[in-house]
Protein backbone atom coordinates (compact mmCIF):
# COMPACT_ATOMS: atom_id res chain seq x y z
CA MET A 1 8.18 28.30 6.30
CA LEU A 2 6.65 26.42 3.89
CA THR A 3 3.09 24.56 4.96
CA ALA A 4 2.92 20.94 5.04
CA ALA A 5 0.35 21.56 1.70
CA GLN A 6 3.18 23.05 -0.02
CA LEU A 7 6.25 21.31 0.46
CA LEU A 8 4.37 18.17 -0.71
CA ASP A 9 3.60 19.78 -3.51
CA ALA A 10 6.87 20.76 -4.18
CA LEU A 11 8.71 17.45 -3.66
CA LEU A 12 5.74 15.91 -6.13
CA GLU A 13 6.93 18.39 -8.55
CA ARG A 14 10.42 17.13 -8.39
CA ALA A 15 9.86 13.73 -8.35
CA ARG A 16 11.01 12.01 -11.54
CA SER A 17 10.64 8.83 -12.53
CA GLN A 18 13.53 7.80 -14.76
CA GLN A 19 14.17 4.22 -13.94
CA PRO A 20 14.98 1.64 -16.93
CA THR A 21 12.97 -1.32 -16.91
CA GLU A 22 13.57 -5.05 -16.58
CA ILE A 23 11.56 -8.18 -16.42
CA VAL A 24 10.99 -10.14 -13.42
CA ALA A 25 8.67 -13.35 -12.81
CA VAL A 26 5.23 -12.42 -11.27
CA THR A 27 6.49 -14.43 -8.22
CA GLY A 28 9.57 -11.79 -7.51
CA ALA A 29 7.10 -9.07 -8.64
CA LEU A 30 5.67 -8.22 -5.37
CA GLY A 31 5.94 -3.97 -4.45
CA ARG A 32 7.12 -3.54 -7.96
CA VAL A 33 6.12 -0.92 -10.51
CA LEU A 34 4.80 -1.53 -13.67
CA ALA A 35 6.26 -0.56 -16.58
CA THR A 36 4.11 -1.51 -19.00
CA PRO A 37 0.28 -2.12 -19.03
CA VAL A 38 -0.84 -5.43 -18.61
CA THR A 39 -3.62 -6.84 -21.34
CA SER A 40 -5.53 -10.13 -21.18
CA ALA A 41 -5.35 -12.34 -23.91
CA ILE A 42 -8.04 -14.55 -23.25
CA THR A 43 -11.25 -14.23 -21.20
CA VAL A 44 -11.99 -14.86 -17.92
CA PRO A 45 -13.66 -16.52 -16.85
CA PRO A 46 -13.92 -18.28 -20.16
CA LEU A 47 -17.23 -20.12 -20.13
CA ASP A 48 -20.45 -19.15 -17.93
CA ASN A 49 -19.51 -21.80 -15.31
CA SER A 50 -21.32 -23.00 -11.61
CA ALA A 51 -21.33 -20.44 -8.50
CA MET A 52 -22.51 -23.15 -6.48
CA ASP A 53 -22.59 -26.81 -5.79
CA GLY A 54 -26.03 -28.14 -7.14
CA TYR A 55 -28.37 -28.76 -10.42
CA ALA A 56 -28.20 -27.27 -13.52
CA VAL A 57 -31.29 -26.94 -14.84
CA ARG A 58 -33.92 -25.19 -17.52
CA VAL A 59 -35.77 -23.25 -15.79
CA ALA A 60 -39.19 -24.33 -17.83
CA ASP A 61 -38.29 -27.52 -17.06
CA VAL A 62 -39.45 -26.57 -13.46
CA PRO A 63 -43.40 -25.21 -13.81
CA ALA A 64 -43.53 -25.35 -9.37
CA ALA A 65 -41.64 -26.06 -6.67
CA GLY A 66 -41.60 -30.04 -5.41
CA ALA A 67 -40.87 -31.03 -9.73
CA ARG A 68 -38.93 -34.26 -10.32
CA LEU A 69 -36.18 -34.10 -12.79
CA PRO A 70 -33.65 -37.40 -13.73
CA VAL A 71 -30.22 -36.26 -13.54
CA SER A 72 -28.67 -36.80 -17.05
CA GLN A 73 -25.07 -36.41 -15.90
CA ARG A 74 -22.73 -35.28 -13.67
CA ILE A 75 -20.11 -32.06 -14.45
CA GLN A 76 -16.96 -32.27 -11.87
CA ALA A 77 -14.95 -28.54 -12.53
CA GLY A 78 -12.51 -29.09 -14.76
CA ALA A 79 -14.77 -30.78 -16.82
CA VAL A 80 -16.84 -30.30 -19.33
CA GLY A 81 -20.47 -31.98 -20.09
CA GLU A 82 -22.91 -32.68 -22.31
CA PRO A 83 -25.87 -30.80 -23.75
CA LEU A 84 -28.73 -30.64 -20.97
CA ALA A 85 -31.35 -32.68 -22.54
CA ALA A 86 -34.54 -31.34 -21.74
CA GLY A 87 -36.62 -32.10 -18.24
CA THR A 88 -33.41 -33.40 -16.74
CA ALA A 89 -31.37 -31.76 -14.36
CA ALA A 90 -27.23 -31.83 -14.23
CA ARG A 91 -25.45 -32.17 -10.92
CA ILE A 92 -22.58 -29.84 -11.16
CA PHE A 93 -20.31 -28.42 -8.64
CA THR A 94 -18.48 -25.18 -7.86
CA GLY A 95 -16.54 -23.50 -10.86
CA ALA A 96 -17.77 -26.45 -13.48
CA PRO A 97 -18.62 -25.12 -17.13
CA VAL A 98 -22.67 -24.99 -17.21
CA PRO A 99 -23.79 -27.30 -19.57
CA PRO A 100 -25.52 -25.90 -23.33
CA GLY A 101 -29.17 -25.74 -22.71
CA ALA A 102 -29.28 -24.80 -18.62
CA ASP A 103 -29.79 -21.64 -17.31
CA ALA A 104 -29.67 -21.58 -13.74
CA VAL A 105 -27.78 -23.92 -10.72
CA LEU A 106 -29.72 -23.99 -7.84
CA MET A 107 -27.74 -24.64 -4.80
CA GLN A 108 -27.82 -28.30 -3.08
CA GLU A 109 -29.10 -26.90 -0.03
CA MET A 110 -32.52 -26.38 -2.04
CA CYS A 111 -32.97 -29.90 -3.87
CA SER A 112 -33.28 -33.40 -2.68
CA ALA A 113 -31.74 -36.27 -3.66
CA ASP A 114 -34.14 -39.17 -5.25
CA GLY A 115 -32.64 -42.04 -6.75
CA ASP A 116 -31.24 -41.38 -9.66
CA ALA A 117 -33.39 -38.00 -9.79
CA VAL A 118 -33.35 -35.02 -7.68
CA VAL A 119 -36.52 -32.98 -6.53
CA VAL A 120 -36.32 -29.52 -7.05
CA ASN A 121 -37.92 -27.66 -3.98
CA LYS A 122 -37.23 -24.28 -4.71
CA LEU A 123 -38.21 -22.47 -8.09
CA PRO A 124 -35.56 -21.33 -9.84
CA ALA A 125 -34.45 -17.74 -12.01
CA VAL A 126 -32.93 -17.06 -15.08
CA GLY A 127 -29.08 -17.02 -14.92
CA GLU A 128 -29.00 -17.93 -10.36
CA ASN A 129 -25.90 -18.76 -9.66
CA ILE A 130 -24.36 -18.45 -12.76
CA ARG A 131 -20.58 -16.75 -13.41
CA ARG A 132 -20.96 -15.53 -16.53
CA ALA A 133 -17.70 -15.75 -19.42
CA GLY A 134 -16.21 -12.77 -19.30
CA GLU A 135 -17.71 -10.90 -16.36
CA ASP A 136 -14.40 -10.98 -14.78
CA ILE A 137 -12.30 -10.28 -18.03
CA GLN A 138 -12.72 -9.56 -21.56
CA ALA A 139 -9.94 -10.82 -24.03
CA GLY A 140 -8.10 -7.55 -25.13
CA SER A 141 -9.17 -5.73 -22.49
CA GLU A 142 -6.25 -3.83 -20.30
CA ILE A 143 -6.26 -5.05 -16.87
CA LEU A 144 -3.37 -3.29 -14.96
CA ALA A 145 -2.28 0.25 -16.02
CA ALA A 146 1.65 1.11 -16.15
CA GLY A 147 2.56 2.93 -13.17
CA THR A 148 0.61 0.15 -10.69
CA ARG A 149 2.42 -0.93 -7.79
CA ILE A 150 2.18 -4.72 -8.03
CA GLY A 151 0.45 -6.43 -4.31
CA ALA A 152 -0.83 -9.79 -3.66
CA ALA A 153 -4.17 -8.95 -5.54
CA GLU A 154 -2.35 -8.01 -8.84
CA MET A 155 -0.31 -10.86 -8.80
CA GLY A 156 -3.21 -12.99 -8.48
CA LEU A 157 -4.53 -11.29 -11.24
CA VAL A 158 -1.82 -11.56 -13.91
CA ALA A 159 -1.73 -15.41 -13.28
CA SER A 160 -5.12 -15.37 -13.54
CA VAL A 161 -5.01 -14.43 -17.29
CA GLY A 162 -2.24 -16.97 -17.38
CA LEU A 163 1.22 -14.33 -17.50
CA GLY A 164 4.49 -15.55 -15.94
CA ASP A 165 6.29 -12.57 -15.93
CA LEU A 166 6.15 -8.75 -16.28
CA SER A 167 7.97 -5.69 -17.09
CA VAL A 168 8.41 -3.49 -14.31
CA LEU A 169 10.49 -0.03 -13.54
CA ARG A 170 13.97 -0.58 -11.97
CA ARG A 171 14.55 -0.41 -7.59
CA LEU A 172 14.70 2.74 -6.91
CA LYS A 173 18.14 3.04 -4.87
CA VAL A 174 17.72 5.28 -1.70
CA ALA A 175 20.75 5.66 0.30
CA CYS A 176 20.15 6.02 4.32
CA PHE A 177 22.80 7.77 6.88
CA PHE A 178 22.23 8.96 10.34
CA THR A 179 24.53 11.54 12.21
CA GLY A 180 25.23 12.24 15.70
CA ASP A 181 28.40 11.25 18.30
CA GLU A 182 25.24 10.41 20.49
CA LEU A 183 23.92 7.32 18.57
CA VAL A 184 25.24 3.55 19.04
CA SER A 185 24.23 0.90 17.48
CA PRO A 186 22.07 -2.24 19.27
CA GLY A 187 23.75 -4.29 20.95
CA THR A 188 26.34 -1.87 21.93
CA PRO A 189 26.38 -1.00 25.32
CA LEU A 190 25.23 2.42 26.36
CA GLY A 191 28.29 5.04 27.23
CA PRO A 192 27.69 8.37 29.21
CA GLY A 193 25.37 10.90 26.90
CA GLN A 194 24.54 7.87 24.12
CA ILE A 195 21.60 6.72 22.79
CA TYR A 196 20.42 4.34 20.34
CA ASN A 197 19.78 4.23 16.74
CA SER A 198 16.65 3.72 16.38
CA ASN A 199 15.92 6.16 13.21
CA ARG A 200 18.34 3.52 11.49
CA TYR A 201 15.77 0.56 12.35
CA THR A 202 12.56 2.80 11.45
CA LEU A 203 13.92 4.44 7.92
CA SER A 204 15.27 0.92 6.86
CA GLY A 205 11.94 -0.68 7.67
CA LEU A 206 10.24 1.94 5.92
CA VAL A 207 12.21 2.42 3.12
CA THR A 208 12.27 -1.58 2.07
CA GLY A 209 8.59 -1.82 2.28
CA LEU A 210 8.19 0.39 -0.18
CA GLY A 211 10.16 -1.71 -2.34
CA CYS A 212 13.19 0.56 -2.61
CA GLU A 213 16.88 -1.10 -2.86
CA LEU A 214 18.56 0.27 0.88
CA ILE A 215 21.97 1.33 0.59
CA ASP A 216 22.57 1.55 4.70
CA LEU A 217 25.75 3.68 5.24
CA GLY A 218 25.12 3.72 8.88
CA ILE A 219 26.20 6.27 11.21
CA VAL A 220 28.19 9.13 10.03
CA PRO A 221 30.30 11.26 13.04
CA ASP A 222 29.37 14.67 13.48
CA THR A 223 31.78 16.70 11.58
CA LEU A 224 31.44 18.65 8.40
CA ALA A 225 34.31 16.43 6.17
CA ALA A 226 32.62 13.00 7.20
CA THR A 227 29.27 14.45 6.18
CA GLU A 228 30.50 15.86 2.94
CA ALA A 229 32.26 12.37 2.74
CA ALA A 230 28.95 10.25 3.35
CA LEU A 231 27.15 12.57 1.19
CA VAL A 232 29.50 12.21 -1.81
CA ARG A 233 29.41 8.18 -1.75
CA ALA A 234 25.15 8.34 -1.14
CA ALA A 235 25.09 10.65 -3.99
CA ARG A 236 26.99 8.74 -5.98
CA GLU A 237 25.41 5.42 -5.37
CA ALA A 238 22.16 5.92 -5.09
CA ASP A 239 18.49 7.96 -6.88
CA VAL A 240 17.70 9.45 -3.67
CA VAL A 241 19.54 10.31 -0.21
CA VAL A 242 17.72 10.10 2.79
CA THR A 243 19.41 11.20 6.37
CA SER A 244 18.37 11.65 9.74
CA GLY A 245 19.40 14.41 12.29
CA GLY A 246 22.07 17.28 11.30
CA VAL A 247 19.50 19.65 9.86
CA SER A 248 18.46 22.10 12.49
CA VAL A 249 20.87 25.15 13.12
CA GLY A 250 23.10 23.79 16.04
CA GLU A 251 26.66 24.04 15.91
CA ALA A 252 27.15 20.15 15.51
CA ASP A 253 24.17 20.26 12.22
CA PHE A 254 26.57 19.59 9.09
CA VAL A 255 24.23 17.72 7.17
CA LYS A 256 22.51 21.03 5.07
CA ALA A 257 25.86 22.83 5.12
CA ALA A 258 27.43 19.57 3.36
CA VAL A 259 24.69 19.71 1.10
CA GLU A 260 24.68 23.31 0.39
CA LYS A 261 28.46 23.40 -0.34
CA LEU A 262 28.25 19.89 -2.73
CA GLY A 263 25.01 20.50 -4.35
CA ARG A 264 21.53 22.62 -3.46
CA VAL A 265 18.98 23.18 -0.48
CA GLU A 266 15.60 24.19 -2.47
CA MET A 267 13.49 24.21 0.66
CA TRP A 268 14.06 24.17 4.34
CA LYS A 269 11.27 24.14 7.54
CA VAL A 270 7.83 22.94 7.44
CA ALA A 271 5.62 24.38 9.48
CA MET A 272 4.20 21.33 11.09
CA LYS A 273 4.77 19.61 14.02
CA PRO A 274 6.30 16.92 14.66
CA GLY A 275 9.10 17.87 12.38
CA LYS A 276 9.84 21.47 11.77
CA PRO A 277 13.49 20.66 10.59
CA ILE A 278 13.03 18.95 6.58
CA VAL A 279 15.20 19.59 3.88
CA TYR A 280 15.11 19.08 0.21
CA GLY A 281 18.00 19.36 -2.12
CA ARG A 282 20.29 17.64 -4.79
CA VAL A 283 23.68 16.39 -4.56
CA GLY A 284 24.43 15.76 -8.48
CA GLU A 285 21.76 13.80 -9.79
CA ALA A 286 20.53 12.57 -6.52
CA ASP A 287 17.72 14.12 -4.63
CA PHE A 288 18.57 14.39 -1.13
CA ILE A 289 15.61 14.36 1.90
CA GLY A 290 17.01 15.62 5.07
CA LEU A 291 14.94 15.01 7.86
CA PRO A 292 14.91 15.64 11.17
CA GLY A 293 16.86 13.73 14.47
CA ASN A 294 13.77 12.92 16.87
CA PRO A 295 12.10 9.77 16.26
CA VAL A 296 8.80 10.49 15.97
CA SER A 297 9.46 13.25 13.59
CA ALA A 298 11.91 11.60 11.39
CA PHE A 299 9.13 8.61 11.15
CA ALA A 300 6.52 11.48 10.56
CA THR A 301 7.71 13.60 7.83
CA PHE A 302 9.00 9.90 5.98
CA CYS A 303 5.58 8.74 6.21
CA LEU A 304 3.38 12.57 5.15
CA PHE A 305 6.34 13.93 2.62
CA VAL A 306 9.10 10.75 1.85
CA ARG A 307 7.24 8.25 0.90
CA PRO A 308 4.79 10.52 -1.67
CA PHE A 309 8.12 11.92 -3.18
CA LEU A 310 9.99 8.37 -3.21
CA LEU A 311 6.19 6.93 -5.09
CA LYS A 312 6.68 9.20 -8.10
CA ARG A 313 10.07 8.44 -8.14
CA MET A 314 9.18 4.60 -8.63
CA GLY A 315 7.08 5.44 -11.20
CA ALA A 316 3.89 4.78 -9.41
CA THR A 317 0.66 6.58 -10.62
CA ARG A 318 -1.15 6.53 -6.89
CA VAL A 319 1.14 8.20 -4.14
CA LEU A 320 -1.02 10.10 -1.89
CA TYR A 321 -2.27 8.88 1.20
CA ARG A 322 -5.82 9.94 2.19
CA ALA A 323 -7.74 11.22 5.52
CA PHE A 324 -10.62 9.96 6.69
CA PRO A 325 -13.43 11.02 8.90
CA ALA A 326 -14.26 9.76 12.75
CA ARG A 327 -14.73 11.28 15.47
CA SER A 328 -12.71 11.83 18.56
CA ALA A 329 -12.61 10.11 21.89
CA SER A 330 -10.53 12.65 23.52
CA THR A 331 -9.84 16.11 24.43
CA TRP A 332 -6.83 18.47 22.90
CA ALA A 333 -7.09 21.62 24.49
CA LYS A 334 -3.63 23.43 23.65
CA ALA A 335 -4.19 25.30 20.22
CA GLY A 336 -0.93 25.02 18.10
CA ASP A 337 0.68 27.61 15.63
CA ARG A 338 1.29 25.07 13.20
CA ARG A 339 0.09 21.97 11.74
CA GLU A 340 0.01 18.73 13.60
CA PHE A 341 -0.15 14.60 12.97
CA LEU A 342 -0.57 13.82 16.37
CA ARG A 343 -0.97 9.87 17.27
CA ALA A 344 -4.06 8.30 17.59
CA ARG A 345 -5.64 4.71 17.66
CA LEU A 346 -9.10 3.80 16.60
CA THR A 347 -11.02 2.71 19.84
CA ASP A 348 -13.59 -0.67 19.58
CA ASP A 349 -16.44 2.20 18.62
CA GLY A 350 -14.45 3.56 15.53
CA ARG A 351 -13.66 6.63 17.32
CA VAL A 352 -9.65 7.63 17.91
CA ALA A 353 -7.79 8.61 20.78
CA LEU A 354 -4.93 10.27 21.60
CA PHE A 355 -1.93 9.03 22.93
CA PRO A 356 -1.18 10.14 25.82
CA ASN A 357 2.47 11.50 25.27
CA GLN A 358 2.48 14.00 21.88
CA SER A 359 6.52 14.24 22.33
CA SER A 360 8.63 13.86 19.39
CA GLY A 361 10.66 12.22 21.29
CA VAL A 362 8.17 8.91 22.16
CA LEU A 363 8.36 6.48 19.22
CA THR A 364 6.31 4.59 21.80
CA SER A 365 2.95 6.18 20.04
CA CYS A 366 3.75 5.14 16.65
CA ALA A 367 3.89 1.41 17.56
CA TRP A 368 0.70 2.01 19.61
CA GLY A 369 -1.21 3.91 17.01
CA ASP A 370 -2.88 3.27 14.14
CA GLY A 371 -2.56 6.76 12.32
CA PHE A 372 -2.49 10.34 13.01
CA VAL A 373 -5.20 12.93 13.92
CA ASP A 374 -4.49 15.97 11.07
CA LEU A 375 -5.46 18.99 13.63
CA ASP A 376 -5.47 22.36 11.69
CA ILE A 377 -3.11 25.33 12.81
CA GLY A 378 -5.19 26.32 16.29
CA GLN A 379 -7.61 23.41 16.47
CA THR A 380 -8.56 21.99 19.70
CA LEU A 381 -10.57 18.95 20.08
CA GLN A 382 -13.28 17.57 22.43
CA PRO A 383 -14.51 14.38 22.68
CA GLY A 384 -17.45 13.60 19.83
CA ASP A 385 -15.13 16.60 17.39
CA TRP A 386 -14.99 15.50 13.91
CA VAL A 387 -11.08 14.68 13.05
CA ARG A 388 -9.01 14.20 9.91
CA PHE A 389 -7.45 10.46 10.44
CA ILE A 390 -4.62 9.28 8.29
CA PRO A 391 -4.57 5.64 9.27
CA PHE A 392 -1.26 4.22 9.34
CA SER A 393 -2.46 1.70 6.44
CA GLU A 394 -2.16 4.60 3.91
CA VAL A 395 1.49 5.61 4.99
CA LEU A 396 3.19 2.73 5.67
CA GLY A 397 4.29 0.22 2.27
């Protein structure tokens, strides 16, 4: 078996980014990956502007607190004032350009209006409350690199330099199907021995949350012929095929056998818990990743391995999750012989508490938790011990 680190490294070595590019509006770019760098043609902000509602002054005109200055002009955001006459102040509002000659802005709480004048109750400092031209972006600078995934902040940043559309990589097509004669879809009455297919909904959410184009092939019967037919269709329509179930060594596990017949298997099994049976291979031009059927195993292996793989296939440059040190609030006495990823929740005091039942079939633990506690082989825990904590925010979306 590969270690979890070996499997992740091997998957990333095999991830290829070959999608063609397309132009999309910034309003529709959320979750997409930049094909080319974004450069600003303008300086942001374009002029020195006020960070506060208040009064623009010359520091030299305020020798002491209590100085009284006539107000010579009023400058709203969106307007441009006249040069500030010596010995006067300008009433100014947040975002308005600082008039030439002024070298400080005093917030209005530090001043008192006195008819057509203002009393300055605080000595100003040069540059106080002034946002300098270009302090955010200089004209000609690169603001986003190729391979950046576009989020809400990136959309706003692109808009701030006046761009209305972007060159992005085509959405990665990911086909999913799910094996198991015991599976039925929600909304259908359960028969004897049947369970609802939760993995279809978990994996659909995980795939679409990454910004991929999902091809949902649904439930496939537990026969080699049906599995082969689904695999042929999936590999023809998608860049990556992800399945759940049928990758172990049981008599009714046909997925691995189908991949071996139609393509090739390059990796099988990882020394981790939950999620030992995981398969990587190729069928035609498509990558194939087969995940375990247990709900938590499918969730964990997708988050820890499939997500980084898909991100790299999408062309993203930041694909790895981060782990953070935290103190345990729980005891874990069972020393495992595989690396373990335990579902945990952050407590109000910043520690991590384990879900009481860590079975691979208890999907409640994933909805309840805030992340994984990453335990080395043989590691146990006592309250107060330091652990590696992987927040779900690092491995979802």
